[in-house]
Structures are given as structure tokens and as C-alpha cells.
């Protein structure tokens, strides 16, 4: 299992549109992926889970991936966040 820490930098945080993009990207990978904010851990492939984090701009998240394509999954999700979800 690998994990990375990221910071949400887009203006709207991880709300509807960015959360949808995040879940869609996570769904491309076989690895089991979870996202942790504070003490709450959710499935990265669940839109309700991601939305329930309430991750606004500046939130720090830990993304964990476990599986054959875990490294690729983390890289893709980090890139999506770093590019501010295309906003």
C-alpha cells in the first residue's frame, strides 16, 4: 500500500464537479483507494463518500491506494488535484 498527502488548492474545494472528476478518475484503477481527512476515511470511488469529507480549499488529504496499479492511481489523482480539476 502506498499513500500521498495532498492539499486541495482549487477555489471550490472538493465539491460536486471536482468530486465527480475525482471519483471518475479513481474508478479507472483496480486498486482499492481511500481518502482520509482528519479522522474520517472514505472510499475514493464513492461520490457520497468524497462529498461527505467537506474538503474545502486548503484542506489536507491523505490518499491511500492498495493494489497492482496503486502507484499509477496515486499519480493520476495527485495530478488532477494539482491541476485544480481543470478550473
PDB file of N, CA and C in Angstrom:
ATOM      1  N   UNK A   1       0.842  -1.179   0.000  1.00  0.00           N
ATOM      2  CA  UNK A   1       0.000   0.000   0.000  1.00  0.00           C
ATOM      3  C   UNK A   1       0.886   1.241   0.000  1.00  0.00           C
ATOM      4  N   UNK A   2       0.485   2.206  -0.788  1.00  0.00           N
ATOM      5  CA  UNK A   2       1.191   3.479  -0.847  1.00  0.00           C
ATOM      6  C   UNK A   2       0.210   4.585  -0.490  1.00  0.00           C
ATOM      7  N   UNK A   3       0.743   5.702  -0.035  1.00  0.00           N
ATOM      8  CA  UNK A   3      -0.103   6.854   0.245  1.00  0.00           C
ATOM      9  C   UNK A   3       0.635   8.141  -0.036  1.00  0.00           C
ATOM     10  N   UNK A   4      -0.140   9.172  -0.322  1.00  0.00           N
ATOM     11  CA  UNK A   4       0.420  10.506  -0.535  1.00  0.00           C
ATOM     12  C   UNK A   4      -0.436  11.512   0.217  1.00  0.00           C
ATOM     13  N   UNK A   5       0.168  12.627   0.526  1.00  0.00           N
ATOM     14  CA  UNK A   5      -0.572  13.731   1.137  1.00  0.00           C
ATOM     15  C   UNK A   5      -0.689  14.829   0.087  1.00  0.00           C
ATOM     16  N   UNK A   6      -1.885  15.389  -0.012  1.00  0.00           N
ATOM     17  CA  UNK A   6      -2.132  16.455  -0.982  1.00  0.00           C
ATOM     18  C   UNK A   6      -2.912  17.574  -0.298  1.00  0.00           C
ATOM     19  N   UNK A   7      -2.894  18.721  -0.918  1.00  0.00           N
ATOM     20  CA  UNK A   7      -3.652  19.867  -0.413  1.00  0.00           C
ATOM     21  C   UNK A   7      -4.589  20.330  -1.517  1.00  0.00           C
ATOM     22  N   UNK A   8      -5.844  20.494  -1.172  1.00  0.00           N
ATOM     23  CA  UNK A   8      -6.840  20.957  -2.134  1.00  0.00           C
ATOM     24  C   UNK A   8      -6.590  22.445  -2.377  1.00  0.00           C
ATOM     25  N   UNK A   9      -6.340  22.809  -3.640  1.00  0.00           N
ATOM     26  CA  UNK A   9      -5.962  24.191  -3.929  1.00  0.00           C
ATOM     27  C   UNK A   9      -6.955  24.927  -4.827  1.00  0.00           C
ATOM     28  N   UNK A  10      -7.945  24.209  -5.352  1.00  0.00           N
ATOM     29  CA  UNK A  10      -8.918  24.911  -6.205  1.00  0.00           C
ATOM     30  C   UNK A  10      -9.910  25.679  -5.332  1.00  0.00           C
ATOM     31  N   UNK A  11     -10.494  26.730  -5.895  1.00  0.00           N
ATOM     32  CA  UNK A  11     -11.353  27.644  -5.134  1.00  0.00           C
ATOM     33  C   UNK A  11     -12.560  26.972  -4.501  1.00  0.00           C
ATOM     34  N   UNK A  12     -13.200  26.069  -5.205  1.00  0.00           N
ATOM     35  CA  UNK A  12     -14.446  25.480  -4.699  1.00  0.00           C
ATOM     36  C   UNK A  12     -14.219  24.250  -3.821  1.00  0.00           C
ATOM     37  N   UNK A  13     -12.979  23.836  -3.655  1.00  0.00           N
ATOM     38  CA  UNK A  13     -12.704  22.650  -2.844  1.00  0.00           C
ATOM     39  C   UNK A  13     -13.172  21.397  -3.551  1.00  0.00           C
ATOM     40  N   UNK A  14     -13.394  20.352  -2.787  1.00  0.00           N
ATOM     41  CA  UNK A  14     -13.780  19.060  -3.358  1.00  0.00           C
ATOM     42  C   UNK A  14     -15.307  18.924  -3.316  1.00  0.00           C
ATOM     43  N   UNK A  15     -15.993  19.829  -4.022  1.00  0.00           N
ATOM     44  CA  UNK A  15     -17.445  19.813  -4.075  1.00  0.00           C
ATOM     45  C   UNK A  15     -17.913  19.142  -5.351  1.00  0.00           C
ATOM     46  N   UNK A  16     -19.152  19.269  -5.707  1.00  0.00           N
ATOM     47  CA  UNK A  16     -19.805  18.452  -6.734  1.00  0.00           C
ATOM     48  C   UNK A  16     -18.957  18.136  -7.981  1.00  0.00           C
ATOM     49  N   UNK A  17     -18.599  19.138  -8.754  1.00  0.00           N
ATOM     50  CA  UNK A  17     -17.898  18.865 -10.006  1.00  0.00           C
ATOM     51  C   UNK A  17     -16.514  18.248  -9.769  1.00  0.00           C
ATOM     52  N   UNK A  18     -15.677  18.856  -8.926  1.00  0.00           N
ATOM     53  CA  UNK A  18     -14.361  18.246  -8.686  1.00  0.00           C
ATOM     54  C   UNK A  18     -14.473  16.850  -8.060  1.00  0.00           C
ATOM     55  N   UNK A  19     -15.441  16.668  -7.165  1.00  0.00           N
ATOM     56  CA  UNK A  19     -15.618  15.350  -6.539  1.00  0.00           C
ATOM     57  C   UNK A  19     -15.985  14.317  -7.590  1.00  0.00           C
ATOM     58  N   UNK A  20     -16.836  14.712  -8.531  1.00  0.00           N
ATOM     59  CA  UNK A  20     -17.230  13.803  -9.608  1.00  0.00           C
ATOM     60  C   UNK A  20     -16.023  13.414 -10.453  1.00  0.00           C
ATOM     61  N   UNK A  21     -15.192  14.390 -10.771  1.00  0.00           N
ATOM     62  CA  UNK A  21     -13.980  14.107 -11.552  1.00  0.00           C
ATOM     63  C   UNK A  21     -13.030  13.198 -10.781  1.00  0.00           C
ATOM     64  N   UNK A  22     -12.910  13.434  -9.491  1.00  0.00           N
ATOM     65  CA  UNK A  22     -12.029  12.634  -8.638  1.00  0.00           C
ATOM     66  C   UNK A  22     -12.495  11.172  -8.611  1.00  0.00           C
ATOM     67  N   UNK A  23     -13.788  10.973  -8.400  1.00  0.00           N
ATOM     68  CA  UNK A  23     -14.351   9.618  -8.343  1.00  0.00           C
ATOM     69  C   UNK A  23     -14.200   8.918  -9.688  1.00  0.00           C
ATOM     70  N   UNK A  24     -14.443   9.659 -10.765  1.00  0.00           N
ATOM     71  CA  UNK A  24     -14.312   9.087 -12.111  1.00  0.00           C
ATOM     72  C   UNK A  24     -12.873   8.633 -12.353  1.00  0.00           C
ATOM     73  N   UNK A  25     -11.915   9.462 -11.956  1.00  0.00           N
ATOM     74  CA  UNK A  25     -10.502   9.104 -12.141  1.00  0.00           C
ATOM     75  C   UNK A  25     -10.136   7.893 -11.281  1.00  0.00           C
ATOM     76  N   UNK A  26     -10.577   7.893 -10.028  1.00  0.00           N
ATOM     77  CA  UNK A  26     -10.279   6.766  -9.124  1.00  0.00           C
ATOM     78  C   UNK A  26     -10.856   5.466  -9.665  1.00  0.00           C
ATOM     79  N   UNK A  27     -12.017   5.564 -10.316  1.00  0.00           N
ATOM     80  CA  UNK A  27     -12.685   4.385 -10.845  1.00  0.00           C
ATOM     81  C   UNK A  27     -11.955   3.730 -12.005  1.00  0.00           C
ATOM     82  N   UNK A  28     -10.987   4.409 -12.556  1.00  0.00           N
ATOM     83  CA  UNK A  28     -10.214   3.846 -13.675  1.00  0.00           C
ATOM     84  C   UNK A  28      -9.200   2.799 -13.214  1.00  0.00           C
ATOM     85  N   UNK A  29      -9.000   2.697 -11.907  1.00  0.00           N
ATOM     86  CA  UNK A  29      -7.944   1.826 -11.387  1.00  0.00           C
ATOM     87  C   UNK A  29      -8.518   0.658 -10.597  1.00  0.00           C
ATOM     88  N   UNK A  30      -7.798  -0.443 -10.644  1.00  0.00           N
ATOM     89  CA  UNK A  30      -8.200  -1.646  -9.917  1.00  0.00           C
ATOM     90  C   UNK A  30      -7.926  -1.500  -8.419  1.00  0.00           C
ATOM     91  N   UNK A  31      -6.933  -0.721  -8.065  1.00  0.00           N
ATOM     92  CA  UNK A  31      -6.512  -0.587  -6.669  1.00  0.00           C
ATOM     93  C   UNK A  31      -7.662  -0.115  -5.785  1.00  0.00           C
ATOM     94  N   UNK A  32      -7.632  -0.551  -4.542  1.00  0.00           N
ATOM     95  CA  UNK A  32      -8.573  -0.044  -3.555  1.00  0.00           C
ATOM     96  C   UNK A  32      -8.026   1.308  -3.102  1.00  0.00           C
ATOM     97  N   UNK A  33      -8.818   2.340  -3.225  1.00  0.00           N
ATOM     98  CA  UNK A  33      -8.348   3.699  -2.949  1.00  0.00           C
ATOM     99  C   UNK A  33      -9.239   4.333  -1.886  1.00  0.00           C
ATOM    100  N   UNK A  34      -8.617   4.908  -0.883  1.00  0.00           N
ATOM    101  CA  UNK A  34      -9.361   5.617   0.148  1.00  0.00           C
ATOM    102  C   UNK A  34      -8.773   7.012   0.328  1.00  0.00           C
ATOM    103  N   UNK A  35      -9.590   7.895   0.851  1.00  0.00           N
ATOM    104  CA  UNK A  35      -9.166   9.270   1.120  1.00  0.00           C
ATOM    105  C   UNK A  35      -9.435   9.559   2.594  1.00  0.00           C
ATOM    106  N   UNK A  36      -8.445  10.147   3.244  1.00  0.00           N
ATOM    107  CA  UNK A  36      -8.565  10.464   4.665  1.00  0.00           C
ATOM    108  C   UNK A  36      -8.461  11.976   4.857  1.00  0.00           C
ATOM    109  N   UNK A  37      -9.434  12.505   5.591  1.00  0.00           N
ATOM    110  CA  UNK A  37      -9.378  13.922   6.007  1.00  0.00           C
ATOM    111  C   UNK A  37      -9.653  13.932   7.501  1.00  0.00           C
ATOM    112  N   UNK A  38      -8.751  14.505   8.240  1.00  0.00           N
ATOM    113  CA  UNK A  38      -8.833  14.468   9.704  1.00  0.00           C
ATOM    114  C   UNK A  38      -8.925  13.006  10.139  1.00  0.00           C
ATOM    115  N   UNK A  39      -9.983  12.606  10.809  1.00  0.00           N
ATOM    116  CA  UNK A  39     -10.106  11.211  11.258  1.00  0.00           C
ATOM    117  C   UNK A  39     -11.079  10.411  10.402  1.00  0.00           C
ATOM    118  N   UNK A  40     -11.560  10.990   9.327  1.00  0.00           N
ATOM    119  CA  UNK A  40     -12.570  10.328   8.501  1.00  0.00           C
ATOM    120  C   UNK A  40     -11.940   9.733   7.252  1.00  0.00           C
ATOM    121  N   UNK A  41     -12.209   8.444   7.000  1.00  0.00           N
ATOM    122  CA  UNK A  41     -11.673   7.756   5.825  1.00  0.00           C
ATOM    123  C   UNK A  41     -12.833   7.269   4.972  1.00  0.00           C
ATOM    124  N   UNK A  42     -12.790   7.570   3.663  1.00  0.00           N
ATOM    125  CA  UNK A  42     -13.887   7.185   2.770  1.00  0.00           C
ATOM    126  C   UNK A  42     -13.331   6.513   1.517  1.00  0.00           C
ATOM    127  N   UNK A  43     -14.207   5.782   0.846  1.00  0.00           N
ATOM    128  CA  UNK A  43     -13.881   5.138  -0.423  1.00  0.00           C
ATOM    129  C   UNK A  43     -13.759   6.216  -1.501  1.00  0.00           C
ATOM    130  N   UNK A  44     -12.636   6.248  -2.204  1.00  0.00           N
ATOM    131  CA  UNK A  44     -12.402   7.268  -3.228  1.00  0.00           C
ATOM    132  C   UNK A  44     -13.259   7.068  -4.464  1.00  0.00           C
ATOM    133  N   UNK A  45     -13.925   5.924  -4.567  1.00  0.00           N
ATOM    134  CA  UNK A  45     -14.755   5.649  -5.735  1.00  0.00           C
ATOM    135  C   UNK A  45     -16.229   5.914  -5.444  1.00  0.00           C
ATOM    136  N   UNK A  46     -16.504   6.548  -4.309  1.00  0.00           N
ATOM    137  CA  UNK A  46     -17.879   6.862  -3.907  1.00  0.00           C
ATOM    138  C   UNK A  46     -18.071   8.370  -3.875  1.00  0.00           C
ATOM    139  N   UNK A  47     -18.963   8.871  -4.723  1.00  0.00           N
ATOM    140  CA  UNK A  47     -19.203  10.313  -4.762  1.00  0.00           C
ATOM    141  C   UNK A  47     -19.746  10.804  -3.420  1.00  0.00           C
ATOM    142  N   UNK A  48     -20.623  10.018  -2.801  1.00  0.00           N
ATOM    143  CA  UNK A  48     -21.160  10.422  -1.498  1.00  0.00           C
ATOM    144  C   UNK A  48     -20.056  10.450  -0.438  1.00  0.00           C
ATOM    145  N   UNK A  49     -19.154   9.488  -0.516  1.00  0.00           N
ATOM    146  CA  UNK A  49     -18.046   9.448   0.427  1.00  0.00           C
ATOM    147  C   UNK A  49     -17.158  10.677   0.286  1.00  0.00           C
ATOM    148  N   UNK A  50     -16.800  10.986  -0.946  1.00  0.00           N
ATOM    149  CA  UNK A  50     -15.918  12.139  -1.192  1.00  0.00           C
ATOM    150  C   UNK A  50     -16.610  13.435  -0.771  1.00  0.00           C
ATOM    151  N   UNK A  51     -17.892  13.575  -1.136  1.00  0.00           N
ATOM    152  CA  UNK A  51     -18.627  14.791  -0.772  1.00  0.00           C
ATOM    153  C   UNK A  51     -18.742  14.939   0.747  1.00  0.00           C
ATOM    154  N   UNK A  52     -18.852  13.812   1.445  1.00  0.00           N
ATOM    155  CA  UNK A  52     -19.037  13.868   2.897  1.00  0.00           C
ATOM    156  C   UNK A  52     -17.796  14.361   3.635  1.00  0.00           C
ATOM    157  N   UNK A  53     -16.667  14.398   2.953  1.00  0.00           N
ATOM    158  CA  UNK A  53     -15.449  14.891   3.597  1.00  0.00           C
ATOM    159  C   UNK A  53     -15.520  16.394   3.861  1.00  0.00           C
ATOM    160  N   UNK A  54     -16.302  17.098   3.035  1.00  0.00           N
ATOM    161  CA  UNK A  54     -16.397  18.546   3.195  1.00  0.00           C
ATOM    162  C   UNK A  54     -15.041  19.220   3.034  1.00  0.00           C
ATOM    163  N   UNK A  55     -14.282  18.769   2.048  1.00  0.00           N
ATOM    164  CA  UNK A  55     -12.916  19.259   1.842  1.00  0.00           C
ATOM    165  C   UNK A  55     -12.925  20.560   1.054  1.00  0.00           C
ATOM    166  N   UNK A  56     -12.791  21.656   1.741  1.00  0.00           N
ATOM    167  CA  UNK A  56     -12.727  22.955   1.097  1.00  0.00           C
ATOM    168  C   UNK A  56     -11.300  23.300   0.681  1.00  0.00           C
ATOM    169  N   UNK A  57     -11.149  24.471   0.095  1.00  0.00           N
ATOM    170  CA  UNK A  57      -9.824  24.932  -0.308  1.00  0.00           C
ATOM    171  C   UNK A  57      -8.896  24.945   0.899  1.00  0.00           C
ATOM    172  N   UNK A  58      -7.714  24.406   0.709  1.00  0.00           N
ATOM    173  CA  UNK A  58      -6.724  24.374   1.774  1.00  0.00           C
ATOM    174  C   UNK A  58      -6.758  23.103   2.610  1.00  0.00           C
ATOM    175  N   UNK A  59      -7.755  22.260   2.387  1.00  0.00           N
ATOM    176  CA  UNK A  59      -7.849  21.002   3.145  1.00  0.00           C
ATOM    177  C   UNK A  59      -6.686  20.083   2.792  1.00  0.00           C
ATOM    178  N   UNK A  60      -6.179  19.405   3.794  1.00  0.00           N
ATOM    179  CA  UNK A  60      -5.117  18.429   3.561  1.00  0.00           C
ATOM    180  C   UNK A  60      -5.719  17.036   3.597  1.00  0.00           C
ATOM    181  N   UNK A  61      -5.423  16.261   2.562  1.00  0.00           N
ATOM    182  CA  UNK A  61      -5.964  14.916   2.412  1.00  0.00           C
ATOM    183  C   UNK A  61      -4.825  13.914   2.306  1.00  0.00           C
ATOM    184  N   UNK A  62      -5.092  12.705   2.769  1.00  0.00           N
ATOM    185  CA  UNK A  62      -4.184  11.596   2.538  1.00  0.00           C
ATOM    186  C   UNK A  62      -4.912  10.621   1.622  1.00  0.00           C
ATOM    187  N   UNK A  63      -4.292  10.300   0.506  1.00  0.00           N
ATOM    188  CA  UNK A  63      -4.878   9.340  -0.422  1.00  0.00           C
ATOM    189  C   UNK A  63      -4.079   8.049  -0.308  1.00  0.00           C
ATOM    190  N   UNK A  64      -4.787   6.949  -0.038  1.00  0.00           N
ATOM    191  CA  UNK A  64      -4.146   5.647   0.112  1.00  0.00           C
ATOM    192  C   UNK A  64      -4.620   4.741  -1.016  1.00  0.00           C
ATOM    193  N   UNK A  65      -3.690   3.976  -1.576  1.00  0.00           N
ATOM    194  CA  UNK A  65      -4.054   3.040  -2.637  1.00  0.00           C
ATOM    195  C   UNK A  65      -3.365   1.712  -2.376  1.00  0.00           C
ATOM    196  N   UNK A  66      -4.121   0.646  -2.605  1.00  0.00           N
ATOM    197  CA  UNK A  66      -3.607  -0.700  -2.387  1.00  0.00           C
ATOM    198  C   UNK A  66      -4.028  -1.587  -3.554  1.00  0.00           C
ATOM    199  N   UNK A  67      -3.046  -2.047  -4.329  1.00  0.00           N
ATOM    200  CA  UNK A  67      -3.354  -2.908  -5.468  1.00  0.00           C
ATOM    201  C   UNK A  67      -2.259  -2.825  -6.512  1.00  0.00           C
ATOM    202  N   UNK A  68      -2.435  -3.584  -7.590  1.00  0.00           N
ATOM    203  CA  UNK A  68      -1.402  -3.665  -8.625  1.00  0.00           C
ATOM    204  C   UNK A  68      -1.077  -2.320  -9.272  1.00  0.00           C
ATOM    205  N   UNK A  69      -2.072  -1.459  -9.428  1.00  0.00           N
ATOM    206  CA  UNK A  69      -1.844  -0.169 -10.088  1.00  0.00           C
ATOM    207  C   UNK A  69      -1.886   1.004  -9.097  1.00  0.00           C
ATOM    208  N   UNK A  70      -1.511   0.740  -7.858  1.00  0.00           N
ATOM    209  CA  UNK A  70      -1.596   1.770  -6.813  1.00  0.00           C
ATOM    210  C   UNK A  70      -0.761   3.015  -7.118  1.00  0.00           C
ATOM    211  N   UNK A  71       0.433   2.829  -7.618  1.00  0.00           N
ATOM    212  CA  UNK A  71       1.306   3.969  -7.909  1.00  0.00           C
ATOM    213  C   UNK A  71       0.709   4.847  -9.005  1.00  0.00           C
ATOM    214  N   UNK A  72       0.213   4.217 -10.062  1.00  0.00           N
ATOM    215  CA  UNK A  72      -0.399   4.965 -11.160  1.00  0.00           C
ATOM    216  C   UNK A  72      -1.645   5.714 -10.682  1.00  0.00           C
ATOM    217  N   UNK A  73      -2.415   5.065  -9.833  1.00  0.00           N
ATOM    218  CA  UNK A  73      -3.630   5.693  -9.301  1.00  0.00           C
ATOM    219  C   UNK A  73      -3.282   6.941  -8.495  1.00  0.00           C
ATOM    220  N   UNK A  74      -2.302   6.831  -7.612  1.00  0.00           N
ATOM    221  CA  UNK A  74      -1.919   7.988  -6.793  1.00  0.00           C
ATOM    222  C   UNK A  74      -1.385   9.121  -7.656  1.00  0.00           C
ATOM    223  N   UNK A  75      -0.578   8.784  -8.652  1.00  0.00           N
ATOM    224  CA  UNK A  75      -0.038   9.815  -9.550  1.00  0.00           C
ATOM    225  C   UNK A  75      -1.162  10.535 -10.296  1.00  0.00           C
ATOM    226  N   UNK A  76      -2.126   9.780 -10.792  1.00  0.00           N
ATOM    227  CA  UNK A  76      -3.225  10.378 -11.564  1.00  0.00           C
ATOM    228  C   UNK A  76      -4.083  11.282 -10.678  1.00  0.00           C
ATOM    229  N   UNK A  77      -4.376  10.830  -9.465  1.00  0.00           N
ATOM    230  CA  UNK A  77      -5.212  11.637  -8.573  1.00  0.00           C
ATOM    231  C   UNK A  77      -4.480  12.883  -8.089  1.00  0.00           C
ATOM    232  N   UNK A  78      -3.197  12.759  -7.822  1.00  0.00           N
ATOM    233  CA  UNK A  78      -2.394  13.921  -7.422  1.00  0.00           C
ATOM    234  C   UNK A  78      -2.343  14.953  -8.541  1.00  0.00           C
ATOM    235  N   UNK A  79      -2.163  14.477  -9.766  1.00  0.00           N
ATOM    236  CA  UNK A  79      -2.110  15.379 -10.911  1.00  0.00           C
ATOM    237  C   UNK A  79      -3.439  16.113 -11.078  1.00  0.00           C
ATOM    238  N   UNK A  80      -4.539  15.407 -10.893  1.00  0.00           N
ATOM    239  CA  UNK A  80      -5.862  16.018 -11.005  1.00  0.00           C
ATOM    240  C   UNK A  80      -6.020  17.145  -9.981  1.00  0.00           C
ATOM    241  N   UNK A  81      -5.602  16.899  -8.752  1.00  0.00           N
ATOM    242  CA  UNK A  81      -5.699  17.922  -7.701  1.00  0.00           C
ATOM    243  C   UNK A  81      -4.742  19.070  -7.980  1.00  0.00           C
ATOM    244  N   UNK A  82      -3.509  18.750  -8.380  1.00  0.00           N
ATOM    245  CA  UNK A  82      -2.513  19.790  -8.666  1.00  0.00           C
ATOM    246  C   UNK A  82      -2.946  20.700  -9.813  1.00  0.00           C
ATOM    247  N   UNK A  83      -3.733  20.159 -10.745  1.00  0.00           N
ATOM    248  CA  UNK A  83      -4.209  20.958 -11.883  1.00  0.00           C
ATOM    249  C   UNK A  83      -5.550  21.623 -11.575  1.00  0.00           C
ATOM    250  N   UNK A  84      -5.913  21.623 -10.275  1.00  0.00           N
ATOM    251  CA  UNK A  84      -7.136  22.288  -9.793  1.00  0.00           C
ATOM    252  C   UNK A  84      -8.384  21.787 -10.502  1.00  0.00           C
ATOM    253  N   UNK A  85      -8.406  20.521 -10.869  1.00  0.00           N
ATOM    254  CA  UNK A  85      -9.555  19.881 -11.513  1.00  0.00           C
ATOM    255  C   UNK A  85      -9.949  20.602 -12.801  1.00  0.00           C
ATOM    256  N   UNK A  86      -9.004  21.239 -13.443  1.00  0.00           N
ATOM    257  CA  UNK A  86      -9.275  21.928 -14.700  1.00  0.00           C
ATOM    258  C   UNK A  86     -10.020  23.247 -14.530  1.00  0.00           C
ATOM    259  N   UNK A  87     -10.097  23.764 -13.314  1.00  0.00           N
ATOM    260  CA  UNK A  87     -10.815  25.031 -13.079  1.00  0.00           C
ATOM    261  C   UNK A  87      -9.930  26.210 -13.382  1.00  0.00           C
TER     262      UNK A  87
END
